Amino acid sequence: MTGAEQLALWCEQSIVQARAGDREAADGLLNTFAQLAEDEHAFDAVGGVPKALLLYIATGIADWRKRGYKDAEHWFHVNRPPHAPHSLDPSRTVPAMRAYMLLRARRAKVGVALAGAAKHAGMTEGQVEALLARRDEVLRAAALAAISKRLRKRVEHANKRKSPG
């Protein structure tokens, strides 16, 4: 993968994370773009500023401008909503989803399943609830893949009846 492709992929992933409430990802995007202020050739080695980054910045500016230049942190996704996960790191989100699904398959009430998943993944219950509200099918598939084949059908069936969020 070339440097341009790596940067473009990083930008695309960071934009998804920023829009999901990851303040660090949003700040990283702004910091990356701000390199142009110090060196107009900062992106020459990778073929220029990635299109996804330009669109992210342009969208933030357009939204900010439409609202009279108020609350820039909101339009650039720098203000992390309460209970938003600090990171969409799969090492925390997949175990949280897996634990929640297993607990619900064992007929645990939603509150008990949220508490168990939060404790297991080192997150708050609000963060797990926000994670479940996203209804991320990739995350759900990753969590199911981490469940033994012997239990997978039962977990899938139980979680169709009792959808999170």
N, C-alpha and C. Protein backbone atom coordinates (compact mmCIF):
# COMPACT_ATOMS: atom_id res chain seq x y z
N MET A 1 0.85 -1.17 0.00
CA MET A 1 0.00 0.00 0.00
C MET A 1 0.90 1.24 0.00
N THR A 2 0.61 2.18 -0.87
CA THR A 2 1.42 3.40 -0.96
C THR A 2 1.11 4.33 0.20
N GLY A 3 1.97 5.32 0.38
CA GLY A 3 1.76 6.31 1.43
C GLY A 3 0.45 7.07 1.22
N ALA A 4 0.13 7.37 -0.03
CA ALA A 4 -1.12 8.08 -0.33
C ALA A 4 -2.32 7.22 0.04
N GLU A 5 -2.25 5.93 -0.27
CA GLU A 5 -3.35 5.02 0.05
C GLU A 5 -3.50 4.85 1.56
N GLN A 6 -2.38 4.77 2.27
CA GLN A 6 -2.43 4.64 3.72
C GLN A 6 -3.04 5.88 4.36
N LEU A 7 -2.62 7.06 3.89
CA LEU A 7 -3.16 8.30 4.43
C LEU A 7 -4.65 8.41 4.13
N ALA A 8 -5.05 8.07 2.91
CA ALA A 8 -6.47 8.13 2.54
C ALA A 8 -7.30 7.18 3.40
N LEU A 9 -6.80 5.98 3.63
CA LEU A 9 -7.51 5.01 4.46
C LEU A 9 -7.61 5.51 5.89
N TRP A 10 -6.52 6.06 6.42
CA TRP A 10 -6.53 6.60 7.78
C TRP A 10 -7.57 7.72 7.88
N CYS A 11 -7.61 8.61 6.89
CA CYS A 11 -8.57 9.71 6.90
C CYS A 11 -10.00 9.19 6.90
N GLU A 12 -10.29 8.22 6.04
CA GLU A 12 -11.64 7.67 5.95
C GLU A 12 -12.06 7.02 7.27
N GLN A 13 -11.16 6.26 7.87
CA GLN A 13 -11.47 5.61 9.14
C GLN A 13 -11.63 6.63 10.26
N SER A 14 -10.79 7.64 10.27
CA SER A 14 -10.86 8.67 11.29
C SER A 14 -12.14 9.50 11.17
N ILE A 15 -12.59 9.73 9.96
CA ILE A 15 -13.83 10.48 9.75
C ILE A 15 -15.01 9.70 10.32
N VAL A 16 -15.05 8.41 10.07
CA VAL A 16 -16.12 7.57 10.62
C VAL A 16 -16.09 7.64 12.14
N GLN A 17 -14.90 7.53 12.72
CA GLN A 17 -14.77 7.58 14.17
C GLN A 17 -15.16 8.95 14.71
N ALA A 18 -14.74 10.01 14.04
CA ALA A 18 -15.07 11.37 14.49
C ALA A 18 -16.57 11.60 14.49
N ARG A 19 -17.23 11.15 13.45
CA ARG A 19 -18.68 11.33 13.36
C ARG A 19 -19.43 10.47 14.38
N ALA A 20 -18.77 9.43 14.87
CA ALA A 20 -19.37 8.57 15.89
C ALA A 20 -19.07 9.09 17.30
N GLY A 21 -18.32 10.19 17.40
CA GLY A 21 -18.08 10.80 18.69
C GLY A 21 -16.68 10.67 19.23
N ASP A 22 -15.73 10.22 18.45
CA ASP A 22 -14.36 10.06 18.91
C ASP A 22 -13.62 11.39 18.75
N ARG A 23 -13.48 12.11 19.85
CA ARG A 23 -12.85 13.43 19.83
C ARG A 23 -11.41 13.37 19.35
N GLU A 24 -10.67 12.35 19.75
CA GLU A 24 -9.28 12.22 19.35
C GLU A 24 -9.14 12.08 17.83
N ALA A 25 -10.07 11.34 17.22
CA ALA A 25 -10.03 11.17 15.77
C ALA A 25 -10.32 12.51 15.08
N ALA A 26 -11.30 13.24 15.59
CA ALA A 26 -11.63 14.55 15.01
C ALA A 26 -10.46 15.51 15.14
N ASP A 27 -9.85 15.54 16.31
CA ASP A 27 -8.71 16.42 16.52
C ASP A 27 -7.54 16.02 15.63
N GLY A 28 -7.35 14.72 15.44
CA GLY A 28 -6.29 14.23 14.57
C GLY A 28 -6.48 14.68 13.13
N LEU A 29 -7.72 14.65 12.67
CA LEU A 29 -8.01 15.11 11.30
C LEU A 29 -7.71 16.60 11.16
N LEU A 30 -8.16 17.39 12.13
CA LEU A 30 -7.91 18.83 12.07
C LEU A 30 -6.41 19.13 12.16
N ASN A 31 -5.72 18.41 13.02
CA ASN A 31 -4.28 18.59 13.16
C ASN A 31 -3.54 18.23 11.87
N THR A 32 -3.98 17.14 11.22
CA THR A 32 -3.37 16.73 9.96
C THR A 32 -3.56 17.80 8.90
N PHE A 33 -4.78 18.31 8.79
CA PHE A 33 -5.06 19.33 7.79
C PHE A 33 -4.29 20.62 8.10
N ALA A 34 -4.15 20.94 9.39
CA ALA A 34 -3.47 22.17 9.80
C ALA A 34 -1.99 22.17 9.44
N GLN A 35 -1.43 21.03 9.08
CA GLN A 35 -0.03 20.98 8.66
C GLN A 35 0.21 21.89 7.45
N LEU A 36 -0.84 22.11 6.66
CA LEU A 36 -0.72 22.99 5.50
C LEU A 36 -0.39 24.42 5.90
N ALA A 37 -0.82 24.83 7.08
CA ALA A 37 -0.55 26.19 7.55
C ALA A 37 0.95 26.40 7.78
N GLU A 38 1.64 25.35 8.18
CA GLU A 38 3.07 25.45 8.45
C GLU A 38 3.91 25.15 7.21
N ASP A 39 3.40 24.27 6.35
CA ASP A 39 4.16 23.87 5.17
C ASP A 39 3.18 23.56 4.03
N GLU A 40 3.14 24.42 3.05
CA GLU A 40 2.19 24.24 1.95
C GLU A 40 2.47 22.99 1.12
N HIS A 41 3.63 22.40 1.31
CA HIS A 41 4.00 21.19 0.58
C HIS A 41 3.91 19.93 1.45
N ALA A 42 3.24 20.04 2.58
CA ALA A 42 3.19 18.94 3.55
C ALA A 42 2.65 17.64 2.96
N PHE A 43 1.78 17.72 1.98
CA PHE A 43 1.16 16.52 1.42
C PHE A 43 1.68 16.16 0.03
N ASP A 44 2.69 16.88 -0.44
CA ASP A 44 3.23 16.61 -1.77
C ASP A 44 3.74 15.18 -1.92
N ALA A 45 4.39 14.67 -0.90
CA ALA A 45 4.99 13.33 -0.97
C ALA A 45 3.94 12.22 -1.09
N VAL A 46 2.70 12.52 -0.72
CA VAL A 46 1.63 11.51 -0.82
C VAL A 46 0.58 11.89 -1.86
N GLY A 47 0.96 12.73 -2.78
CA GLY A 47 0.06 13.06 -3.89
C GLY A 47 -0.98 14.11 -3.57
N GLY A 48 -0.79 14.89 -2.54
CA GLY A 48 -1.72 15.94 -2.20
C GLY A 48 -2.62 15.56 -1.03
N VAL A 49 -3.46 16.50 -0.64
CA VAL A 49 -4.38 16.30 0.47
C VAL A 49 -5.44 15.29 0.04
N PRO A 50 -5.67 14.25 0.84
CA PRO A 50 -6.69 13.25 0.48
C PRO A 50 -8.08 13.89 0.32
N LYS A 51 -8.81 13.45 -0.66
CA LYS A 51 -10.13 14.00 -0.96
C LYS A 51 -11.06 13.89 0.25
N ALA A 52 -11.02 12.77 0.95
CA ALA A 52 -11.90 12.57 2.12
C ALA A 52 -11.62 13.63 3.19
N LEU A 53 -10.35 13.97 3.39
CA LEU A 53 -9.98 14.98 4.38
C LEU A 53 -10.48 16.35 3.94
N LEU A 54 -10.31 16.67 2.66
CA LEU A 54 -10.81 17.95 2.15
C LEU A 54 -12.33 18.07 2.32
N LEU A 55 -13.04 16.99 2.00
CA LEU A 55 -14.50 17.01 2.14
C LEU A 55 -14.92 17.14 3.60
N TYR A 56 -14.20 16.47 4.50
CA TYR A 56 -14.49 16.56 5.93
C TYR A 56 -14.34 18.01 6.41
N ILE A 57 -13.23 18.63 6.06
CA ILE A 57 -12.97 20.01 6.47
C ILE A 57 -13.99 20.95 5.82
N ALA A 58 -14.24 20.77 4.53
CA ALA A 58 -15.19 21.64 3.82
C ALA A 58 -16.60 21.52 4.40
N THR A 59 -17.01 20.32 4.74
CA THR A 59 -18.34 20.10 5.33
C THR A 59 -18.43 20.78 6.69
N GLY A 60 -17.37 20.65 7.49
CA GLY A 60 -17.34 21.30 8.80
C GLY A 60 -17.43 22.81 8.67
N ILE A 61 -16.69 23.37 7.74
CA ILE A 61 -16.72 24.82 7.53
C ILE A 61 -18.09 25.27 7.04
N ALA A 62 -18.66 24.53 6.09
CA ALA A 62 -19.98 24.90 5.56
C ALA A 62 -21.05 24.86 6.65
N ASP A 63 -21.04 23.81 7.47
CA ASP A 63 -22.02 23.71 8.55
C ASP A 63 -21.82 24.83 9.57
N TRP A 64 -20.59 25.08 9.91
CA TRP A 64 -20.24 26.13 10.88
C TRP A 64 -20.68 27.49 10.35
N ARG A 65 -20.42 27.74 9.08
CA ARG A 65 -20.77 29.02 8.45
C ARG A 65 -22.28 29.22 8.42
N LYS A 66 -23.03 28.16 8.09
CA LYS A 66 -24.50 28.25 8.03
C LYS A 66 -25.10 28.66 9.37
N ARG A 67 -24.41 28.33 10.43
CA ARG A 67 -24.94 28.63 11.77
C ARG A 67 -24.26 29.83 12.41
N GLY A 68 -23.80 30.73 11.57
CA GLY A 68 -23.24 31.99 12.06
C GLY A 68 -21.92 31.87 12.78
N TYR A 69 -21.13 30.89 12.44
CA TYR A 69 -19.80 30.68 13.01
C TYR A 69 -19.84 30.40 14.51
N LYS A 70 -20.91 29.75 14.94
CA LYS A 70 -21.02 29.39 16.36
C LYS A 70 -20.76 27.90 16.53
N ASP A 71 -20.20 27.55 17.67
CA ASP A 71 -20.00 26.15 18.06
C ASP A 71 -19.17 25.34 17.06
N ALA A 72 -18.01 25.86 16.70
CA ALA A 72 -17.14 25.16 15.75
C ALA A 72 -16.82 23.75 16.22
N GLU A 73 -16.67 23.55 17.53
CA GLU A 73 -16.34 22.22 18.04
C GLU A 73 -17.42 21.19 17.69
N HIS A 74 -18.65 21.64 17.57
CA HIS A 74 -19.74 20.73 17.19
C HIS A 74 -19.63 20.35 15.72
N TRP A 75 -19.43 21.31 14.85
CA TRP A 75 -19.45 21.06 13.42
C TRP A 75 -18.22 20.33 12.91
N PHE A 76 -17.14 20.38 13.69
CA PHE A 76 -15.94 19.62 13.35
C PHE A 76 -15.85 18.34 14.17
N HIS A 77 -16.91 18.01 14.89
CA HIS A 77 -17.01 16.77 15.68
C HIS A 77 -15.93 16.66 16.76
N VAL A 78 -15.54 17.79 17.32
CA VAL A 78 -14.52 17.76 18.36
C VAL A 78 -15.15 17.62 19.74
N ASN A 79 -16.41 17.99 19.89
CA ASN A 79 -17.05 17.82 21.19
C ASN A 79 -17.64 16.42 21.26
N ARG A 80 -17.06 15.60 22.10
CA ARG A 80 -17.51 14.22 22.23
C ARG A 80 -18.79 14.21 23.05
N PRO A 81 -19.88 13.63 22.49
CA PRO A 81 -21.12 13.57 23.25
C PRO A 81 -20.95 12.75 24.52
N PRO A 82 -21.78 13.04 25.54
CA PRO A 82 -21.68 12.24 26.75
C PRO A 82 -21.92 10.77 26.43
N HIS A 83 -21.18 9.93 27.05
CA HIS A 83 -21.28 8.47 26.91
C HIS A 83 -20.74 7.94 25.59
N ALA A 84 -20.23 8.80 24.71
CA ALA A 84 -19.64 8.27 23.48
C ALA A 84 -18.38 7.52 23.83
N PRO A 85 -18.12 6.41 23.18
CA PRO A 85 -16.88 5.69 23.48
C PRO A 85 -15.67 6.58 23.24
N HIS A 86 -14.66 6.49 24.11
CA HIS A 86 -13.45 7.28 23.93
C HIS A 86 -12.75 6.86 22.65
N SER A 87 -12.95 5.63 22.27
CA SER A 87 -12.30 5.11 21.08
C SER A 87 -13.17 3.99 20.53
N LEU A 88 -13.16 3.84 19.24
CA LEU A 88 -13.89 2.73 18.63
C LEU A 88 -12.95 1.56 18.41
N ASP A 89 -11.99 1.43 19.29
CA ASP A 89 -10.99 0.39 19.24
C ASP A 89 -11.66 -0.98 19.37
N PRO A 90 -11.48 -1.85 18.37
CA PRO A 90 -12.12 -3.18 18.43
C PRO A 90 -11.72 -4.00 19.64
N SER A 91 -10.58 -3.70 20.26
CA SER A 91 -10.17 -4.47 21.43
C SER A 91 -11.09 -4.20 22.62
N ARG A 92 -11.90 -3.15 22.55
CA ARG A 92 -12.88 -2.86 23.60
C ARG A 92 -14.31 -3.05 23.12
N THR A 93 -14.58 -2.64 21.89
CA THR A 93 -15.97 -2.68 21.42
C THR A 93 -16.44 -4.08 21.10
N VAL A 94 -15.60 -4.91 20.51
CA VAL A 94 -16.00 -6.28 20.19
C VAL A 94 -16.28 -7.08 21.47
N PRO A 95 -15.40 -7.03 22.48
CA PRO A 95 -15.72 -7.75 23.71
C PRO A 95 -16.99 -7.23 24.39
N ALA A 96 -17.25 -5.93 24.31
CA ALA A 96 -18.47 -5.37 24.89
C ALA A 96 -19.70 -5.94 24.19
N MET A 97 -19.67 -5.94 22.86
CA MET A 97 -20.81 -6.46 22.10
C MET A 97 -20.98 -7.96 22.36
N ARG A 98 -19.89 -8.69 22.38
CA ARG A 98 -19.94 -10.14 22.62
C ARG A 98 -20.55 -10.43 23.98
N ALA A 99 -20.08 -9.74 25.02
CA ALA A 99 -20.59 -9.96 26.37
C ALA A 99 -22.07 -9.62 26.45
N TYR A 100 -22.46 -8.52 25.83
CA TYR A 100 -23.87 -8.13 25.84
C TYR A 100 -24.73 -9.21 25.18
N MET A 101 -24.30 -9.67 24.02
CA MET A 101 -25.07 -10.68 23.29
C MET A 101 -25.16 -12.00 24.06
N LEU A 102 -24.07 -12.40 24.69
CA LEU A 102 -24.09 -13.64 25.48
C LEU A 102 -25.02 -13.51 26.68
N LEU A 103 -24.96 -12.38 27.34
CA LEU A 103 -25.83 -12.18 28.50
C LEU A 103 -27.31 -12.14 28.10
N ARG A 104 -27.61 -11.49 26.99
CA ARG A 104 -29.00 -11.45 26.53
C ARG A 104 -29.46 -12.85 26.12
N ALA A 105 -28.57 -13.66 25.56
CA ALA A 105 -28.92 -15.03 25.19
C ALA A 105 -29.22 -15.86 26.43
N ARG A 106 -28.63 -15.47 27.54
CA ARG A 106 -28.90 -16.17 28.81
C ARG A 106 -30.09 -15.56 29.53
N ARG A 107 -30.85 -14.75 28.81
CA ARG A 107 -32.08 -14.13 29.29
C ARG A 107 -31.85 -13.06 30.36
N ALA A 108 -30.68 -12.45 30.36
CA ALA A 108 -30.43 -11.35 31.28
C ALA A 108 -31.21 -10.13 30.81
N LYS A 109 -31.70 -9.35 31.75
CA LYS A 109 -32.41 -8.12 31.40
C LYS A 109 -31.42 -7.14 30.78
N VAL A 110 -31.93 -6.17 30.05
CA VAL A 110 -31.08 -5.22 29.33
C VAL A 110 -30.11 -4.52 30.28
N GLY A 111 -30.58 -4.05 31.42
CA GLY A 111 -29.72 -3.35 32.38
C GLY A 111 -28.59 -4.22 32.89
N VAL A 112 -28.90 -5.48 33.17
CA VAL A 112 -27.89 -6.42 33.64
C VAL A 112 -26.87 -6.70 32.53
N ALA A 113 -27.36 -6.86 31.31
CA ALA A 113 -26.47 -7.12 30.18
C ALA A 113 -25.57 -5.92 29.91
N LEU A 114 -26.12 -4.71 30.00
CA LEU A 114 -25.30 -3.50 29.81
C LEU A 114 -24.21 -3.42 30.87
N ALA A 115 -24.58 -3.66 32.12
CA ALA A 115 -23.61 -3.59 33.21
C ALA A 115 -22.51 -4.64 33.03
N GLY A 116 -22.91 -5.85 32.67
CA GLY A 116 -21.94 -6.92 32.48
C GLY A 116 -20.99 -6.65 31.32
N ALA A 117 -21.55 -6.15 30.23
CA ALA A 117 -20.72 -5.84 29.05
C ALA A 117 -19.76 -4.70 29.36
N ALA A 118 -20.25 -3.69 30.07
CA ALA A 118 -19.40 -2.55 30.43
C ALA A 118 -18.24 -3.00 31.32
N LYS A 119 -18.55 -3.79 32.32
CA LYS A 119 -17.50 -4.27 33.23
C LYS A 119 -16.48 -5.13 32.48
N HIS A 120 -16.97 -6.00 31.62
CA HIS A 120 -16.09 -6.90 30.87
C HIS A 120 -15.14 -6.14 29.94
N ALA A 121 -15.63 -5.07 29.31
CA ALA A 121 -14.84 -4.34 28.32
C ALA A 121 -14.13 -3.11 28.87
N GLY A 122 -14.36 -2.80 30.14
CA GLY A 122 -13.73 -1.62 30.72
C GLY A 122 -14.34 -0.33 30.20
N MET A 123 -15.65 -0.34 30.00
CA MET A 123 -16.35 0.84 29.50
C MET A 123 -17.44 1.20 30.52
N THR A 124 -18.10 2.34 30.32
CA THR A 124 -19.24 2.68 31.15
C THR A 124 -20.50 2.08 30.51
N GLU A 125 -21.55 1.96 31.29
CA GLU A 125 -22.80 1.44 30.74
C GLU A 125 -23.32 2.36 29.64
N GLY A 126 -23.16 3.66 29.82
CA GLY A 126 -23.59 4.63 28.81
C GLY A 126 -22.83 4.46 27.50
N GLN A 127 -21.54 4.15 27.61
CA GLN A 127 -20.74 3.93 26.40
C GLN A 127 -21.21 2.67 25.68
N VAL A 128 -21.51 1.62 26.42
CA VAL A 128 -22.00 0.38 25.80
C VAL A 128 -23.35 0.64 25.16
N GLU A 129 -24.20 1.38 25.84
CA GLU A 129 -25.51 1.70 25.29
C GLU A 129 -25.39 2.50 23.99
N ALA A 130 -24.47 3.47 23.97
CA ALA A 130 -24.23 4.25 22.74
C ALA A 130 -23.69 3.36 21.63
N LEU A 131 -22.84 2.43 21.99
CA LEU A 131 -22.28 1.48 21.03
C LEU A 131 -23.39 0.62 20.42
N LEU A 132 -24.28 0.14 21.24
CA LEU A 132 -25.39 -0.69 20.77
C LEU A 132 -26.36 0.11 19.91
N ALA A 133 -26.54 1.36 20.24
CA ALA A 133 -27.47 2.21 19.49
C ALA A 133 -26.99 2.44 18.06
N ARG A 134 -25.69 2.31 17.82
CA ARG A 134 -25.15 2.51 16.47
C ARG A 134 -25.59 1.41 15.52
N ARG A 135 -25.96 0.26 16.04
CA ARG A 135 -26.42 -0.88 15.23
C ARG A 135 -25.41 -1.20 14.12
N ASP A 136 -24.16 -1.31 14.49
CA ASP A 136 -23.06 -1.56 13.57
C ASP A 136 -23.01 -3.05 13.23
N GLU A 137 -23.33 -3.40 11.99
CA GLU A 137 -23.38 -4.81 11.58
C GLU A 137 -21.99 -5.45 11.53
N VAL A 138 -20.97 -4.66 11.23
CA VAL A 138 -19.60 -5.20 11.21
C VAL A 138 -19.19 -5.58 12.63
N LEU A 139 -19.49 -4.71 13.57
CA LEU A 139 -19.18 -4.99 14.98
C LEU A 139 -19.96 -6.21 15.45
N ARG A 140 -21.22 -6.28 15.09
CA ARG A 140 -22.06 -7.42 15.47
C ARG A 140 -21.47 -8.73 14.90
N ALA A 141 -21.06 -8.69 13.65
CA ALA A 141 -20.47 -9.88 13.02
C ALA A 141 -19.17 -10.28 13.70
N ALA A 142 -18.36 -9.28 14.07
CA ALA A 142 -17.10 -9.58 14.76
C ALA A 142 -17.36 -10.19 16.13
N ALA A 143 -18.36 -9.69 16.82
CA ALA A 143 -18.71 -10.24 18.13
C ALA A 143 -19.23 -11.67 17.99
N LEU A 144 -20.06 -11.91 17.00
CA LEU A 144 -20.57 -13.28 16.77
C LEU A 144 -19.44 -14.23 16.41
N ALA A 145 -18.46 -13.76 15.66
CA ALA A 145 -17.33 -14.60 15.28
C ALA A 145 -16.50 -14.99 16.50
N ALA A 146 -16.55 -14.16 17.54
CA ALA A 146 -15.80 -14.44 18.77
C ALA A 146 -16.56 -15.37 19.71
N ILE A 147 -17.75 -15.78 19.32
CA ILE A 147 -18.56 -16.70 20.12
C ILE A 147 -18.42 -18.09 19.52
N SER A 148 -18.29 -19.08 20.38
CA SER A 148 -18.09 -20.45 19.89
C SER A 148 -19.23 -20.88 18.97
N LYS A 149 -18.90 -21.72 18.00
CA LYS A 149 -19.90 -22.20 17.05
C LYS A 149 -21.06 -22.88 17.76
N ARG A 150 -20.75 -23.54 18.85
CA ARG A 150 -21.76 -24.27 19.62
C ARG A 150 -22.85 -23.32 20.14
N LEU A 151 -22.49 -22.09 20.49
CA LEU A 151 -23.45 -21.14 21.05
C LEU A 151 -23.98 -20.13 20.04
N ARG A 152 -23.33 -20.00 18.91
CA ARG A 152 -23.63 -18.91 17.97
C ARG A 152 -25.09 -18.85 17.54
N LYS A 153 -25.67 -19.98 17.15
CA LYS A 153 -27.08 -19.98 16.70
C LYS A 153 -28.01 -19.51 17.80
N ARG A 154 -27.76 -19.99 19.02
CA ARG A 154 -28.60 -19.61 20.15
C ARG A 154 -28.49 -18.10 20.41
N VAL A 155 -27.28 -17.57 20.33
CA VAL A 155 -27.05 -16.14 20.56
C VAL A 155 -27.71 -15.31 19.46
N GLU A 156 -27.55 -15.73 18.21
CA GLU A 156 -28.18 -15.01 17.10
C GLU A 156 -29.69 -14.98 17.27
N HIS A 157 -30.27 -16.12 17.61
CA HIS A 157 -31.72 -16.22 17.79
C HIS A 157 -32.19 -15.33 18.94
N ALA A 158 -31.50 -15.38 20.05
CA ALA A 158 -31.89 -14.59 21.22
C ALA A 158 -31.76 -13.10 20.96
N ASN A 159 -30.76 -12.70 20.20
CA ASN A 159 -30.53 -11.27 19.98
C ASN A 159 -31.38 -10.71 18.84
N LYS A 160 -32.02 -11.57 18.06
CA LYS A 160 -32.99 -11.09 17.08
C LYS A 160 -34.28 -10.71 17.80
N ARG A 161 -34.64 -11.51 18.78
CA ARG A 161 -35.85 -11.25 19.55
C ARG A 161 -35.69 -10.01 20.43
N LYS A 162 -34.52 -9.82 20.97
CA LYS A 162 -34.28 -8.76 21.93
C LYS A 162 -33.22 -7.82 21.39
N SER A 163 -33.57 -7.03 20.42
CA SER A 163 -32.57 -6.15 19.79
C SER A 163 -32.12 -5.08 20.77
N PRO A 164 -30.82 -4.76 20.75
CA PRO A 164 -30.29 -3.75 21.66
C PRO A 164 -30.78 -2.36 21.28
N GLY A 165 -30.79 -1.49 22.27
CA GLY A 165 -31.12 -0.09 22.03
C GLY A 165 -32.54 0.11 21.94
